Amino acid sequence: MVVEAVVIDGLKEKGLGDVIIIVGDIISEDDIPSLREMGVKAVFGPGTPTSVITDQIKQGMAAKIQYSA
């Protein structure tokens, strides 16, 4: 989770705190709540179908567009 924290902090420092962050890897279920608290919108494990990932990205973008409109 160190890498995610560094990336998220760096984005915020650059004024990009509204970027949708998704992560994928072998991630412990225990770590997911902490990642969510840091601002990660979605967590994907190994073998997640690309269609599931792209659907989540589309949903996140749609929500972001609605929110900013």
PDB file of N, CA and C in Angstrom:
ATOM      1  N   MET A   1       0.815  -1.203   0.000  1.00  0.00           N
ATOM      2  CA  MET A   1       0.000   0.000   0.000  1.00  0.00           C
ATOM      3  C   MET A   1       0.854   1.260   0.000  1.00  0.00           C
ATOM      4  N   VAL A   2       2.133   1.121   0.135  1.00  0.00           N
ATOM      5  CA  VAL A   2       3.025   2.281   0.139  1.00  0.00           C
ATOM      6  C   VAL A   2       3.001   2.971  -1.220  1.00  0.00           C
ATOM      7  N   VAL A   3       3.062   2.185  -2.280  1.00  0.00           N
ATOM      8  CA  VAL A   3       3.069   2.765  -3.626  1.00  0.00           C
ATOM      9  C   VAL A   3       1.787   3.554  -3.869  1.00  0.00           C
ATOM     10  N   GLU A   4       0.663   2.977  -3.503  1.00  0.00           N
ATOM     11  CA  GLU A   4      -0.612   3.668  -3.711  1.00  0.00           C
ATOM     12  C   GLU A   4      -0.644   4.989  -2.955  1.00  0.00           C
ATOM     13  N   ALA A   5      -0.169   4.980  -1.715  1.00  0.00           N
ATOM     14  CA  ALA A   5      -0.166   6.208  -0.913  1.00  0.00           C
ATOM     15  C   ALA A   5       0.709   7.279  -1.551  1.00  0.00           C
ATOM     16  N   VAL A   6       1.867   6.888  -2.055  1.00  0.00           N
ATOM     17  CA  VAL A   6       2.773   7.850  -2.695  1.00  0.00           C
ATOM     18  C   VAL A   6       2.125   8.433  -3.951  1.00  0.00           C
ATOM     19  N   VAL A   7       1.509   7.575  -4.753  1.00  0.00           N
ATOM     20  CA  VAL A   7       0.857   8.044  -5.983  1.00  0.00           C
ATOM     21  C   VAL A   7      -0.294   8.992  -5.655  1.00  0.00           C
ATOM     22  N   ILE A   8      -1.135   8.606  -4.720  1.00  0.00           N
ATOM     23  CA  ILE A   8      -2.287   9.436  -4.363  1.00  0.00           C
ATOM     24  C   ILE A   8      -1.831  10.770  -3.788  1.00  0.00           C
ATOM     25  N   ASP A   9      -0.864  10.748  -2.897  1.00  0.00           N
ATOM     26  CA  ASP A   9      -0.342  12.000  -2.334  1.00  0.00           C
ATOM     27  C   ASP A   9       0.257  12.881  -3.424  1.00  0.00           C
ATOM     28  N   GLY A  10       0.988  12.272  -4.350  1.00  0.00           N
ATOM     29  CA  GLY A  10       1.584  13.027  -5.450  1.00  0.00           C
ATOM     30  C   GLY A  10       0.537  13.669  -6.338  1.00  0.00           C
ATOM     31  N   LEU A  11      -0.525  12.936  -6.616  1.00  0.00           N
ATOM     32  CA  LEU A  11      -1.608  13.498  -7.426  1.00  0.00           C
ATOM     33  C   LEU A  11      -2.256  14.683  -6.716  1.00  0.00           C
ATOM     34  N   LYS A  12      -2.500  14.530  -5.428  1.00  0.00           N
ATOM     35  CA  LYS A  12      -3.111  15.620  -4.658  1.00  0.00           C
ATOM     36  C   LYS A  12      -2.214  16.848  -4.637  1.00  0.00           C
ATOM     37  N   GLU A  13      -0.915  16.638  -4.469  1.00  0.00           N
ATOM     38  CA  GLU A  13       0.035  17.757  -4.461  1.00  0.00           C
ATOM     39  C   GLU A  13       0.035  18.507  -5.789  1.00  0.00           C
ATOM     40  N   LYS A  14      -0.236  17.798  -6.874  1.00  0.00           N
ATOM     41  CA  LYS A  14      -0.251  18.407  -8.207  1.00  0.00           C
ATOM     42  C   LYS A  14      -1.633  18.958  -8.568  1.00  0.00           C
ATOM     43  N   GLY A  15      -2.568  18.921  -7.603  1.00  0.00           N
ATOM     44  CA  GLY A  15      -3.917  19.413  -7.863  1.00  0.00           C
ATOM     45  C   GLY A  15      -4.762  18.434  -8.659  1.00  0.00           C
ATOM     46  N   LEU A  16      -4.386  17.173  -8.628  1.00  0.00           N
ATOM     47  CA  LEU A  16      -5.103  16.151  -9.386  1.00  0.00           C
ATOM     48  C   LEU A  16      -5.801  15.155  -8.466  1.00  0.00           C
ATOM     49  N   GLY A  17      -6.298  15.634  -7.354  1.00  0.00           N
ATOM     50  CA  GLY A  17      -6.951  14.771  -6.384  1.00  0.00           C
ATOM     51  C   GLY A  17      -8.262  14.178  -6.858  1.00  0.00           C
ATOM     52  N   ASP A  18      -8.762  14.664  -8.003  1.00  0.00           N
ATOM     53  CA  ASP A  18     -10.025  14.147  -8.519  1.00  0.00           C
ATOM     54  C   ASP A  18      -9.836  13.020  -9.537  1.00  0.00           C
ATOM     55  N   VAL A  19      -8.596  12.586  -9.752  1.00  0.00           N
ATOM     56  CA  VAL A  19      -8.319  11.486 -10.675  1.00  0.00           C
ATOM     57  C   VAL A  19      -8.843  10.190 -10.065  1.00  0.00           C
ATOM     58  N   ILE A  20      -9.507   9.387 -10.878  1.00  0.00           N
ATOM     59  CA  ILE A  20     -10.019   8.101 -10.411  1.00  0.00           C
ATOM     60  C   ILE A  20      -8.853   7.115 -10.323  1.00  0.00           C
ATOM     61  N   ILE A  21      -8.658   6.557  -9.134  1.00  0.00           N
ATOM     62  CA  ILE A  21      -7.564   5.618  -8.894  1.00  0.00           C
ATOM     63  C   ILE A  21      -8.129   4.203  -8.812  1.00  0.00           C
ATOM     64  N   ILE A  22      -7.579   3.307  -9.624  1.00  0.00           N
ATOM     65  CA  ILE A  22      -7.912   1.891  -9.524  1.00  0.00           C
ATOM     66  C   ILE A  22      -6.601   1.133  -9.359  1.00  0.00           C
ATOM     67  N   VAL A  23      -6.668   0.007  -8.667  1.00  0.00           N
ATOM     68  CA  VAL A  23      -5.472  -0.806  -8.482  1.00  0.00           C
ATOM     69  C   VAL A  23      -5.798  -2.262  -8.785  1.00  0.00           C
ATOM     70  N   GLY A  24      -4.776  -2.983  -9.164  1.00  0.00           N
ATOM     71  CA  GLY A  24      -4.937  -4.398  -9.427  1.00  0.00           C
ATOM     72  C   GLY A  24      -3.673  -5.143  -9.048  1.00  0.00           C
ATOM     73  N   ASP A  25      -3.858  -6.250  -8.369  1.00  0.00           N
ATOM     74  CA  ASP A  25      -2.722  -7.062  -7.946  1.00  0.00           C
ATOM     75  C   ASP A  25      -3.261  -8.116  -6.990  1.00  0.00           C
ATOM     76  N   ILE A  26      -2.363  -8.839  -6.387  1.00  0.00           N
ATOM     77  CA  ILE A  26      -2.756  -9.740  -5.309  1.00  0.00           C
ATOM     78  C   ILE A  26      -2.802  -8.882  -4.057  1.00  0.00           C
ATOM     79  N   ILE A  27      -4.002  -8.533  -3.646  1.00  0.00           N
ATOM     80  CA  ILE A  27      -4.196  -7.599  -2.536  1.00  0.00           C
ATOM     81  C   ILE A  27      -5.019  -8.288  -1.461  1.00  0.00           C
ATOM     82  N   SER A  28      -4.545  -8.222  -0.249  1.00  0.00           N
ATOM     83  CA  SER A  28      -5.251  -8.816   0.881  1.00  0.00           C
ATOM     84  C   SER A  28      -6.601  -8.135   1.075  1.00  0.00           C
ATOM     85  N   GLU A  29      -7.611  -8.941   1.349  1.00  0.00           N
ATOM     86  CA  GLU A  29      -8.943  -8.388   1.635  1.00  0.00           C
ATOM     87  C   GLU A  29      -8.882  -7.400   2.799  1.00  0.00           C
ATOM     88  N   ASP A  30      -7.965  -7.632   3.728  1.00  0.00           N
ATOM     89  CA  ASP A  30      -7.818  -6.745   4.884  1.00  0.00           C
ATOM     90  C   ASP A  30      -7.314  -5.361   4.487  1.00  0.00           C
ATOM     91  N   ASP A  31      -6.613  -5.266   3.362  1.00  0.00           N
ATOM     92  CA  ASP A  31      -6.058  -3.985   2.917  1.00  0.00           C
ATOM     93  C   ASP A  31      -7.051  -3.136   2.121  1.00  0.00           C
ATOM     94  N   ILE A  32      -8.096  -3.753   1.609  1.00  0.00           N
ATOM     95  CA  ILE A  32      -9.026  -3.021   0.740  1.00  0.00           C
ATOM     96  C   ILE A  32      -9.688  -1.844   1.450  1.00  0.00           C
ATOM     97  N   PRO A  33     -10.179  -1.981   2.690  1.00  0.00           N
ATOM     98  CA  PRO A  33     -10.767  -0.806   3.346  1.00  0.00           C
ATOM     99  C   PRO A  33      -9.786   0.365   3.467  1.00  0.00           C
ATOM    100  N   SER A  34      -8.530   0.070   3.760  1.00  0.00           N
ATOM    101  CA  SER A  34      -7.528   1.139   3.861  1.00  0.00           C
ATOM    102  C   SER A  34      -7.301   1.797   2.510  1.00  0.00           C
ATOM    103  N   LEU A  35      -7.261   0.998   1.453  1.00  0.00           N
ATOM    104  CA  LEU A  35      -7.104   1.556   0.111  1.00  0.00           C
ATOM    105  C   LEU A  35      -8.284   2.458  -0.231  1.00  0.00           C
ATOM    106  N   ARG A  36      -9.475   2.020   0.116  1.00  0.00           N
ATOM    107  CA  ARG A  36     -10.680   2.835  -0.131  1.00  0.00           C
ATOM    108  C   ARG A  36     -10.598   4.163   0.630  1.00  0.00           C
ATOM    109  N   GLU A  37     -10.163   4.109   1.873  1.00  0.00           N
ATOM    110  CA  GLU A  37     -10.026   5.336   2.670  1.00  0.00           C
ATOM    111  C   GLU A  37      -9.014   6.294   2.051  1.00  0.00           C
ATOM    112  N   MET A  38      -7.994   5.739   1.393  1.00  0.00           N
ATOM    113  CA  MET A  38      -6.980   6.572   0.743  1.00  0.00           C
ATOM    114  C   MET A  38      -7.505   7.192  -0.545  1.00  0.00           C
ATOM    115  N   GLY A  39      -8.630   6.682  -1.047  1.00  0.00           N
ATOM    116  CA  GLY A  39      -9.198   7.247  -2.268  1.00  0.00           C
ATOM    117  C   GLY A  39      -9.237   6.313  -3.457  1.00  0.00           C
ATOM    118  N   VAL A  40      -8.816   5.070  -3.275  1.00  0.00           N
ATOM    119  CA  VAL A  40      -8.877   4.103  -4.365  1.00  0.00           C
ATOM    120  C   VAL A  40     -10.343   3.761  -4.619  1.00  0.00           C
ATOM    121  N   LYS A  41     -10.767   3.875  -5.874  1.00  0.00           N
ATOM    122  CA  LYS A  41     -12.172   3.643  -6.218  1.00  0.00           C
ATOM    123  C   LYS A  41     -12.489   2.188  -6.503  1.00  0.00           C
ATOM    124  N   ALA A  42     -11.509   1.421  -6.992  1.00  0.00           N
ATOM    125  CA  ALA A  42     -11.761   0.015  -7.312  1.00  0.00           C
ATOM    126  C   ALA A  42     -10.478  -0.786  -7.137  1.00  0.00           C
ATOM    127  N   VAL A  43     -10.652  -2.034  -6.707  1.00  0.00           N
ATOM    128  CA  VAL A  43      -9.526  -2.946  -6.513  1.00  0.00           C
ATOM    129  C   VAL A  43      -9.840  -4.227  -7.289  1.00  0.00           C
ATOM    130  N   PHE A  44      -8.918  -4.619  -8.168  1.00  0.00           N
ATOM    131  CA  PHE A  44      -9.118  -5.805  -8.990  1.00  0.00           C
ATOM    132  C   PHE A  44      -8.021  -6.813  -8.720  1.00  0.00           C
ATOM    133  N   GLY A  45      -8.427  -8.053  -8.545  1.00  0.00           N
ATOM    134  CA  GLY A  45      -7.469  -9.117  -8.318  1.00  0.00           C
ATOM    135  C   GLY A  45      -7.051  -9.783  -9.615  1.00  0.00           C
ATOM    136  N   PRO A  46      -6.100 -10.697  -9.517  1.00  0.00           N
ATOM    137  CA  PRO A  46      -5.641 -11.427 -10.699  1.00  0.00           C
ATOM    138  C   PRO A  46      -6.802 -12.180 -11.353  1.00  0.00           C
ATOM    139  N   GLY A  47      -6.812 -12.166 -12.660  1.00  0.00           N
ATOM    140  CA  GLY A  47      -7.848 -12.894 -13.386  1.00  0.00           C
ATOM    141  C   GLY A  47      -9.142 -12.135 -13.575  1.00  0.00           C
ATOM    142  N   THR A  48      -9.211 -10.909 -13.078  1.00  0.00           N
ATOM    143  CA  THR A  48     -10.424 -10.118 -13.280  1.00  0.00           C
ATOM    144  C   THR A  48     -10.594  -9.873 -14.774  1.00  0.00           C
ATOM    145  N   PRO A  49     -11.762 -10.212 -15.317  1.00  0.00           N
ATOM    146  CA  PRO A  49     -11.975  -9.993 -16.748  1.00  0.00           C
ATOM    147  C   PRO A  49     -11.855  -8.512 -17.116  1.00  0.00           C
ATOM    148  N   THR A  50     -11.262  -8.262 -18.253  1.00  0.00           N
ATOM    149  CA  THR A  50     -11.098  -6.886 -18.722  1.00  0.00           C
ATOM    150  C   THR A  50     -12.438  -6.177 -18.809  1.00  0.00           C
ATOM    151  N   SER A  51     -13.486  -6.902 -19.181  1.00  0.00           N
ATOM    152  CA  SER A  51     -14.813  -6.287 -19.297  1.00  0.00           C
ATOM    153  C   SER A  51     -15.301  -5.758 -17.953  1.00  0.00           C
ATOM    154  N   VAL A  52     -14.991  -6.447 -16.871  1.00  0.00           N
ATOM    155  CA  VAL A  52     -15.377  -5.981 -15.534  1.00  0.00           C
ATOM    156  C   VAL A  52     -14.619  -4.697 -15.199  1.00  0.00           C
ATOM    157  N   ILE A  53     -13.342  -4.673 -15.504  1.00  0.00           N
ATOM    158  CA  ILE A  53     -12.526  -3.489 -15.220  1.00  0.00           C
ATOM    159  C   ILE A  53     -13.021  -2.297 -16.029  1.00  0.00           C
ATOM    160  N   THR A  54     -13.256  -2.498 -17.322  1.00  0.00           N
ATOM    161  CA  THR A  54     -13.712  -1.376 -18.152  1.00  0.00           C
ATOM    162  C   THR A  54     -15.098  -0.910 -17.740  1.00  0.00           C
ATOM    163  N   ASP A  55     -15.968  -1.825 -17.328  1.00  0.00           N
ATOM    164  CA  ASP A  55     -17.296  -1.421 -16.844  1.00  0.00           C
ATOM    165  C   ASP A  55     -17.176  -0.540 -15.606  1.00  0.00           C
ATOM    166  N   GLN A  56     -16.288  -0.905 -14.689  1.00  0.00           N
ATOM    167  CA  GLN A  56     -16.087  -0.101 -13.481  1.00  0.00           C
ATOM    168  C   GLN A  56     -15.537   1.282 -13.820  1.00  0.00           C
ATOM    169  N   ILE A  57     -14.619   1.330 -14.774  1.00  0.00           N
ATOM    170  CA  ILE A  57     -14.066   2.621 -15.193  1.00  0.00           C
ATOM    171  C   ILE A  57     -15.168   3.482 -15.807  1.00  0.00           C
ATOM    172  N   LYS A  58     -15.985   2.889 -16.662  1.00  0.00           N
ATOM    173  CA  LYS A  58     -17.092   3.631 -17.284  1.00  0.00           C
ATOM    174  C   LYS A  58     -18.056   4.162 -16.226  1.00  0.00           C
ATOM    175  N   GLN A  59     -18.384   3.333 -15.241  1.00  0.00           N
ATOM    176  CA  GLN A  59     -19.290   3.768 -14.173  1.00  0.00           C
ATOM    177  C   GLN A  59     -18.678   4.910 -13.376  1.00  0.00           C
ATOM    178  N   GLY A  60     -17.398   4.803 -13.075  1.00  0.00           N
ATOM    179  CA  GLY A  60     -16.717   5.861 -12.332  1.00  0.00           C
ATOM    180  C   GLY A  60     -16.690   7.163 -13.103  1.00  0.00           C
ATOM    181  N   MET A  61     -16.434   7.077 -14.392  1.00  0.00           N
ATOM    182  CA  MET A  61     -16.408   8.282 -15.226  1.00  0.00           C
ATOM    183  C   MET A  61     -17.800   8.890 -15.343  1.00  0.00           C
ATOM    184  N   ALA A  62     -18.818   8.045 -15.496  1.00  0.00           N
ATOM    185  CA  ALA A  62     -20.188   8.547 -15.597  1.00  0.00           C
ATOM    186  C   ALA A  62     -20.585   9.273 -14.319  1.00  0.00           C
ATOM    187  N   ALA A  63     -20.233   8.705 -13.172  1.00  0.00           N
ATOM    188  CA  ALA A  63     -20.548   9.353 -11.897  1.00  0.00           C
ATOM    189  C   ALA A  63     -19.800  10.671 -11.768  1.00  0.00           C
ATOM    190  N   LYS A  64     -18.563  10.700 -12.207  1.00  0.00           N
ATOM    191  CA  LYS A  64     -17.758  11.917 -12.129  1.00  0.00           C
ATOM    192  C   LYS A  64     -18.334  13.005 -13.033  1.00  0.00           C
ATOM    193  N   ILE A  65     -18.761  12.620 -14.223  1.00  0.00           N
ATOM    194  CA  ILE A  65     -19.350  13.586 -15.157  1.00  0.00           C
ATOM    195  C   ILE A  65     -20.648  14.137 -14.591  1.00  0.00           C
ATOM    196  N   GLN A  66     -21.495  13.279 -14.025  1.00  0.00           N
ATOM    197  CA  GLN A  66     -22.749  13.734 -13.423  1.00  0.00           C
ATOM    198  C   GLN A  66     -22.475  14.677 -12.267  1.00  0.00           C
ATOM    199  N   TYR A  67     -21.485  14.339 -11.447  1.00  0.00           N
ATOM    200  CA  TYR A  67     -21.167  15.143 -10.271  1.00  0.00           C
ATOM    201  C   TYR A  67     -20.689  16.532 -10.663  1.00  0.00           C
ATOM    202  N   SER A  68     -19.903  16.612 -11.719  1.00  0.00           N
ATOM    203  CA  SER A  68     -19.330  17.902 -12.095  1.00  0.00           C
ATOM    204  C   SER A  68     -20.262  18.735 -12.964  1.00  0.00           C
ATOM    205  N   ALA A  69     -21.334  18.144 -13.447  1.00  0.00           N
ATOM    206  CA  ALA A  69     -22.255  18.876 -14.331  1.00  0.00           C
ATOM    207  C   ALA A  69     -23.174  19.797 -13.568  1.00  0.00           C
TER     208      ALA A  69
END
